[in-house]
Amino acid sequence: MVFAAAGFSSCLARRLAPIGLAASVAQLVSLGAGGSLAAAGEPAGMAVTVVRSKAACFEDSVKLTGFILAREEALVRPDVDGYHVAKVLVENGDVVTAGQKLADLVKPEWLPQALPATASLTANIGGILVVPRPVPIGMPVSARADPLFRIIRDGEFDLVLDVPQSYLTKIKPAQSVRIETLGAVDIAGTIRNLAPDVDYLSQLGHAVVQITGKPSLRAGSFASAVVETGRSCSTSVPLSAVLFGPQGSVVQVVEDGRVQMRPVRIGLFTGSDIEIRSGLKAGDVVVQRAGAFLRQNDPVRPILVEAQETNR
């Protein structure tokens, strides 16, 4: 019976030996797969995705809306009363020059014979012609009536923006403006001046933007504009790396394999990135998606996003 027991034990050991070897191999493989083994004597923490903070510049801007208006207009009226329109020589939107004939006028029979039989209406400046309403043949004209034509001097336009009172301290003359209109892109301009008053009902002020160049625009059309009010250069991290709480903004920095809760002062936003004005420097390793599951001095296994992208 002693020999039988010994034989059974040796047989059982031979059968269990491969299972123990496989378990040991599996344990080694599982440790090596993470690529970030903990050193001897150090606690192995959870794997977290990290990124390096970087130096970047952020644009501070304000988006406003307004209307396109002619920078300067001239009104065209006849010099005499009582004449009738005989012929209109231009159309709405035509580009005219100073002195160009716009319409022929004819004297009716009831006017004094001493007056000339015909007259003409000419442009007083050069620019884009605006016909406020149709001018029918035979229509009587008067120097005291509404103008028959308007001329936008040199085809130049301004954008008049509505500015909320809270933004008035940010808007200043000479600031750059990017303008967006229907059917037009990449229109540039600069702030020319600010109105000195604020509407007491709407609490809106007004800023006049001088449009650069002579793009194809229409007076009275709606437009939006982005006013660049400043520029700041400091450190940048993903917005997801910042925790916002009652004690302020915090970034989870990884140092020597452990989490350090770093208070920071935030600044401007650009897309998915945020400016860190203090508390962090370029090159620091931070948790890409900060969360409450990590605490001060928690051990972690950092996995750098750049390394993941390089290995793909």
Protein backbone atom coordinates (compact mmCIF):
# COMPACT_ATOMS: atom_id res chain seq x y z
CA MET A 1 0.00 0.00 0.00
CA VAL A 2 2.97 2.31 0.64
CA PHE A 3 4.24 1.66 -2.84
CA ALA A 4 0.77 2.27 -4.28
CA ALA A 5 0.44 5.63 -2.48
CA ALA A 6 3.87 6.69 -3.61
CA GLY A 7 3.05 5.75 -7.18
CA PHE A 8 -0.20 7.66 -7.04
CA SER A 9 1.56 10.80 -5.70
CA SER A 10 4.22 10.72 -8.37
CA CYS A 11 1.58 10.21 -11.06
CA LEU A 12 -0.46 13.15 -9.75
CA ALA A 13 2.62 15.38 -9.69
CA ARG A 14 3.40 14.51 -13.31
CA ARG A 15 -0.14 15.44 -14.33
CA LEU A 16 -0.21 18.75 -12.40
CA ALA A 17 3.23 19.94 -13.49
CA PRO A 18 2.12 21.16 -16.98
CA ILE A 19 -0.83 23.01 -15.44
CA GLY A 20 1.40 24.89 -13.00
CA LEU A 21 3.86 25.77 -15.77
CA ALA A 22 1.06 27.10 -17.96
CA ALA A 23 -0.29 29.25 -15.12
CA SER A 24 3.15 30.72 -14.53
CA VAL A 25 3.60 31.50 -18.23
CA ALA A 26 0.13 33.10 -18.40
CA GLN A 27 0.95 35.29 -15.41
CA LEU A 28 4.19 36.49 -17.06
CA VAL A 29 2.42 37.21 -20.35
CA SER A 30 -0.32 39.19 -18.61
CA LEU A 31 2.27 41.32 -16.80
CA GLY A 32 4.28 41.97 -19.93
CA ALA A 33 1.32 42.86 -22.15
CA GLY A 34 0.75 46.25 -20.48
CA GLY A 35 4.21 47.50 -21.41
CA SER A 36 4.63 49.29 -18.06
CA LEU A 37 5.70 46.84 -15.38
CA ALA A 38 5.99 48.15 -11.84
CA ALA A 39 9.49 48.04 -10.35
CA ALA A 40 10.29 45.68 -7.51
CA GLY A 41 8.73 46.90 -4.30
CA GLU A 42 6.52 49.49 -6.02
CA PRO A 43 2.73 49.13 -6.11
CA ALA A 44 1.29 48.48 -9.58
CA GLY A 45 -1.44 51.03 -10.34
CA MET A 46 -4.14 51.26 -12.94
CA ALA A 47 -3.23 52.12 -16.54
CA VAL A 48 -4.09 55.69 -17.55
CA THR A 49 -3.70 57.54 -20.83
CA VAL A 50 -1.51 60.61 -20.52
CA VAL A 51 -0.39 63.49 -22.76
CA ARG A 52 2.36 66.08 -22.55
CA SER A 53 1.35 69.69 -22.07
CA LYS A 54 2.66 72.00 -24.78
CA ALA A 55 3.33 75.64 -25.46
CA ALA A 56 0.60 77.28 -27.56
CA CYS A 57 -1.02 80.61 -28.36
CA PHE A 58 -4.72 81.34 -27.98
CA GLU A 59 -6.82 84.00 -29.68
CA ASP A 60 -9.32 85.89 -27.55
CA SER A 61 -12.30 86.77 -29.73
CA VAL A 62 -15.91 87.95 -29.55
CA LYS A 63 -18.63 87.02 -32.06
CA LEU A 64 -21.11 89.78 -32.89
CA THR A 65 -23.80 90.49 -35.48
CA GLY A 66 -24.83 93.55 -37.44
CA PHE A 67 -25.77 95.01 -40.81
CA ILE A 68 -23.88 96.15 -43.89
CA LEU A 69 -24.28 99.87 -44.62
CA ALA A 70 -22.81 102.21 -47.20
CA ARG A 71 -19.82 104.10 -45.81
CA GLU A 72 -20.91 107.27 -47.58
CA GLU A 73 -23.91 108.00 -49.79
CA ALA A 74 -24.77 110.88 -52.11
CA LEU A 75 -28.40 111.75 -52.91
CA VAL A 76 -29.27 112.63 -56.50
CA ARG A 77 -32.10 115.15 -57.05
CA PRO A 78 -32.93 117.48 -59.98
CA ASP A 79 -32.01 121.16 -59.80
CA VAL A 80 -35.42 122.27 -61.15
CA ASP A 81 -39.02 121.47 -60.25
CA GLY A 82 -41.80 120.37 -62.56
CA TYR A 83 -39.80 118.54 -65.25
CA HIS A 84 -40.83 115.04 -66.27
CA VAL A 85 -38.65 111.98 -66.73
CA ALA A 86 -38.13 111.36 -70.44
CA LYS A 87 -35.58 108.51 -70.28
CA VAL A 88 -33.67 106.60 -67.60
CA LEU A 89 -30.13 105.79 -68.74
CA VAL A 90 -28.91 103.58 -65.87
CA GLU A 91 -29.99 100.59 -63.83
CA ASN A 92 -29.88 99.68 -60.17
CA GLY A 93 -26.39 98.49 -59.19
CA ASP A 94 -24.53 100.16 -62.05
CA VAL A 95 -21.11 101.62 -61.36
CA VAL A 96 -21.20 105.28 -62.37
CA THR A 97 -18.65 108.09 -62.53
CA ALA A 98 -18.95 111.68 -61.40
CA GLY A 99 -20.77 113.77 -64.04
CA GLN A 100 -22.29 110.76 -65.79
CA LYS A 101 -25.81 111.32 -67.13
CA LEU A 102 -28.39 109.25 -65.27
CA ALA A 103 -31.71 110.41 -66.77
CA ASP A 104 -33.10 112.81 -69.41
CA LEU A 105 -35.79 115.29 -68.35
CA VAL A 106 -38.30 117.20 -70.46
CA LYS A 107 -40.16 120.43 -69.67
CA PRO A 108 -43.96 120.26 -69.66
CA GLU A 109 -45.93 122.91 -71.59
CA TRP A 110 -47.23 124.72 -68.52
CA LEU A 111 -43.75 125.73 -67.32
CA PRO A 112 -42.45 129.18 -68.40
CA GLN A 113 -41.14 129.33 -71.96
CA ALA A 114 -37.90 130.87 -70.72
CA LEU A 115 -36.82 127.54 -69.18
CA PRO A 116 -34.89 125.12 -71.38
CA ALA A 117 -36.95 122.45 -73.10
CA THR A 118 -34.76 119.60 -71.78
CA ALA A 119 -32.53 118.92 -68.79
CA SER A 120 -30.55 116.01 -67.42
CA LEU A 121 -29.87 114.38 -64.09
CA THR A 122 -26.19 113.61 -63.50
CA ALA A 123 -24.13 111.77 -60.87
CA ASN A 124 -22.50 114.05 -58.33
CA ILE A 125 -19.90 111.41 -57.26
CA GLY A 126 -18.59 108.08 -58.56
CA GLY A 127 -19.69 104.79 -57.07
CA ILE A 128 -22.46 102.18 -57.07
CA LEU A 129 -25.89 103.43 -58.13
CA VAL A 130 -28.90 102.61 -55.95
CA VAL A 131 -32.43 103.12 -57.33
CA PRO A 132 -34.72 103.20 -54.26
CA ARG A 133 -37.87 102.73 -56.33
CA PRO A 134 -38.79 102.46 -60.03
CA VAL A 135 -38.58 105.71 -62.01
CA PRO A 136 -41.39 105.57 -64.61
CA ILE A 137 -41.30 107.60 -67.79
CA GLY A 138 -43.35 110.80 -67.43
CA MET A 139 -42.85 110.96 -63.66
CA PRO A 140 -42.61 114.59 -62.41
CA VAL A 141 -39.49 115.42 -60.43
CA SER A 142 -38.77 117.94 -57.72
CA ALA A 143 -35.72 119.12 -55.80
CA ARG A 144 -37.76 118.86 -52.58
CA ALA A 145 -39.01 115.28 -53.15
CA ASP A 146 -37.28 112.03 -52.24
CA PRO A 147 -34.10 111.44 -54.26
CA LEU A 148 -34.47 109.53 -57.51
CA PHE A 149 -31.08 107.88 -57.05
CA ARG A 150 -28.46 107.24 -54.36
CA ILE A 151 -24.79 106.64 -55.01
CA ILE A 152 -22.54 104.63 -52.67
CA ARG A 153 -19.26 106.53 -52.90
CA ASP A 154 -16.51 104.35 -54.44
CA GLY A 155 -18.54 101.20 -53.64
CA GLU A 156 -17.25 101.17 -50.05
CA PHE A 157 -19.22 99.58 -47.20
CA ASP A 158 -19.06 99.44 -43.42
CA LEU A 159 -20.41 96.86 -40.99
CA VAL A 160 -22.28 98.27 -38.00
CA LEU A 161 -22.15 95.75 -35.13
CA ASP A 162 -24.41 95.46 -32.10
CA VAL A 163 -22.13 95.19 -29.05
CA PRO A 164 -23.49 94.03 -25.65
CA GLN A 165 -22.47 96.31 -22.83
CA SER A 166 -20.32 93.59 -21.21
CA TYR A 167 -18.13 93.44 -24.36
CA LEU A 168 -17.64 97.18 -24.80
CA THR A 169 -14.45 97.20 -22.72
CA LYS A 170 -12.92 94.54 -25.02
CA ILE A 171 -13.65 96.31 -28.33
CA LYS A 172 -11.13 98.94 -29.40
CA PRO A 173 -10.30 100.76 -32.66
CA ALA A 174 -7.88 99.04 -35.07
CA GLN A 175 -8.75 95.51 -33.88
CA SER A 176 -8.97 92.90 -36.65
CA VAL A 177 -12.36 91.54 -37.69
CA ARG A 178 -13.36 88.45 -39.71
CA ILE A 179 -16.73 88.97 -41.42
CA GLU A 180 -19.17 86.29 -42.59
CA THR A 181 -22.08 87.00 -44.94
CA LEU A 182 -24.34 84.85 -47.08
CA GLY A 183 -22.49 84.05 -50.29
CA ALA A 184 -19.21 85.66 -49.23
CA VAL A 185 -16.27 84.30 -47.23
CA ASP A 186 -13.00 85.59 -45.81
CA ILE A 187 -13.98 89.25 -45.69
CA ALA A 188 -11.59 91.21 -43.51
CA GLY A 189 -12.04 94.48 -41.69
CA THR A 190 -10.91 96.59 -38.76
CA ILE A 191 -12.77 98.40 -36.00
CA ARG A 192 -12.98 102.05 -37.08
CA ASN A 193 -14.80 103.58 -34.12
CA LEU A 194 -17.22 102.94 -31.26
CA ALA A 195 -20.44 104.81 -30.66
CA PRO A 196 -20.18 106.88 -27.46
CA ASP A 197 -23.61 105.84 -26.14
CA VAL A 198 -25.56 102.70 -25.23
CA ASP A 199 -29.23 102.16 -26.03
CA TYR A 200 -31.05 102.32 -22.69
CA LEU A 201 -33.67 99.74 -23.76
CA SER A 202 -31.49 97.07 -25.36
CA GLN A 203 -28.26 97.91 -23.48
CA LEU A 204 -26.40 97.56 -26.78
CA GLY A 205 -23.61 99.74 -28.05
CA HIS A 206 -22.41 99.94 -31.65
CA ALA A 207 -19.08 99.49 -33.37
CA VAL A 208 -18.34 100.48 -36.96
CA VAL A 209 -16.12 98.08 -38.93
CA GLN A 210 -14.28 99.36 -41.98
CA ILE A 211 -14.43 96.58 -44.56
CA THR A 212 -11.14 95.97 -46.35
CA GLY A 213 -11.27 96.05 -50.14
CA LYS A 214 -14.42 96.19 -52.22
CA PRO A 215 -16.20 92.83 -51.95
CA SER A 216 -19.56 92.32 -53.58
CA LEU A 217 -21.98 93.35 -50.84
CA ARG A 218 -25.49 94.76 -50.50
CA ALA A 219 -26.41 97.54 -48.14
CA GLY A 220 -28.83 96.42 -45.44
CA SER A 221 -27.78 92.75 -45.51
CA PHE A 222 -27.15 90.82 -42.30
CA ALA A 223 -23.61 89.77 -41.33
CA SER A 224 -21.75 88.26 -38.38
CA ALA A 225 -18.22 89.08 -37.34
CA VAL A 226 -15.51 87.70 -35.10
CA VAL A 227 -13.52 90.48 -33.43
CA GLU A 228 -10.03 89.50 -32.29
CA THR A 229 -9.72 91.23 -28.94
CA GLY A 230 -6.39 89.80 -27.80
CA ARG A 231 -3.78 87.04 -27.94
CA SER A 232 -2.25 84.97 -25.15
CA CYS A 233 0.64 82.48 -25.30
CA SER A 234 1.21 79.96 -22.48
CA THR A 235 0.68 76.22 -21.83
CA SER A 236 -2.02 74.09 -23.47
CA VAL A 237 -3.69 70.83 -22.44
CA PRO A 238 -6.85 69.05 -23.62
CA LEU A 239 -10.01 70.39 -22.03
CA SER A 240 -10.76 66.86 -20.77
CA ALA A 241 -7.58 67.00 -18.63
CA VAL A 242 -9.00 69.71 -16.35
CA LEU A 243 -11.24 69.01 -13.37
CA PHE A 244 -13.57 71.83 -12.32
CA GLY A 245 -14.72 71.89 -8.72
CA PRO A 246 -15.62 74.16 -5.82
CA GLN A 247 -11.92 74.56 -4.97
CA GLY A 248 -11.05 75.67 -8.51
CA SER A 249 -9.47 74.00 -11.54
CA VAL A 250 -7.17 70.99 -11.10
CA VAL A 251 -4.96 68.97 -13.47
CA GLN A 252 -3.80 65.45 -12.60
CA VAL A 253 -0.04 65.35 -13.22
CA VAL A 254 1.87 62.04 -13.27
CA GLU A 255 5.28 62.18 -11.55
CA ASP A 256 7.37 59.07 -10.79
CA GLY A 257 4.39 56.84 -11.45
CA ARG A 258 2.07 58.63 -9.06
CA VAL A 259 -0.74 61.15 -9.44
CA GLN A 260 -0.23 64.69 -8.21
CA MET A 261 -3.30 66.96 -8.03
CA ARG A 262 -2.03 70.27 -9.41
CA PRO A 263 -4.18 73.44 -8.99
CA VAL A 264 -4.05 75.57 -12.14
CA ARG A 265 -5.35 78.88 -13.43
CA ILE A 266 -7.13 78.51 -16.75
CA GLY A 267 -7.45 81.00 -19.59
CA LEU A 268 -8.81 80.89 -23.13
CA PHE A 269 -10.37 78.02 -25.11
CA THR A 270 -9.54 76.97 -28.66
CA GLY A 271 -11.43 73.97 -30.01
CA SER A 272 -10.76 71.04 -27.63
CA ASP A 273 -7.75 72.67 -25.91
CA ILE A 274 -7.59 75.03 -22.96
CA GLU A 275 -4.96 77.53 -21.87
CA ILE A 276 -3.19 76.99 -18.54
CA ARG A 277 -1.83 80.33 -17.37
CA SER A 278 -0.19 79.09 -14.17
CA GLY A 279 0.43 75.84 -12.29
CA LEU A 280 1.76 73.86 -15.25
CA LYS A 281 4.67 74.06 -17.66
CA ALA A 282 5.20 72.72 -21.16
CA GLY A 283 6.29 69.08 -21.14
CA ASP A 284 4.49 68.03 -17.97
CA VAL A 285 2.74 64.64 -18.20
CA VAL A 286 -0.98 64.93 -17.40
CA VAL A 287 -3.88 62.48 -17.38
CA GLN A 288 -5.74 62.97 -20.66
CA ARG A 289 -9.18 62.36 -19.17
CA ALA A 290 -9.08 63.43 -15.56
CA GLY A 291 -11.64 61.96 -13.20
CA ALA A 292 -12.61 61.42 -9.58
CA PHE A 293 -11.38 57.81 -9.74
CA LEU A 294 -7.81 59.07 -9.19
CA ARG A 295 -6.58 60.55 -5.92
CA GLN A 296 -3.43 62.26 -4.68
CA ASN A 297 -0.39 59.88 -4.76
CA ASP A 298 -2.33 57.06 -6.43
CA PRO A 299 0.09 54.75 -8.32
CA VAL A 300 -0.59 54.56 -12.06
CA ARG A 301 0.89 53.06 -15.20
CA PRO A 302 1.01 55.97 -17.69
CA ILE A 303 0.44 55.21 -21.37
CA LEU A 304 1.52 58.15 -23.53
CA VAL A 305 -0.91 58.97 -26.36
CA GLU A 306 1.95 59.89 -28.71
CA ALA A 307 3.46 56.42 -28.26
CA GLN A 308 0.12 54.76 -29.06
CA GLU A 309 -0.29 56.79 -32.22
CA THR A 310 3.30 56.05 -33.32
CA ASN A 311 2.80 52.29 -32.95
CA ARG A 312 -0.29 52.24 -35.18
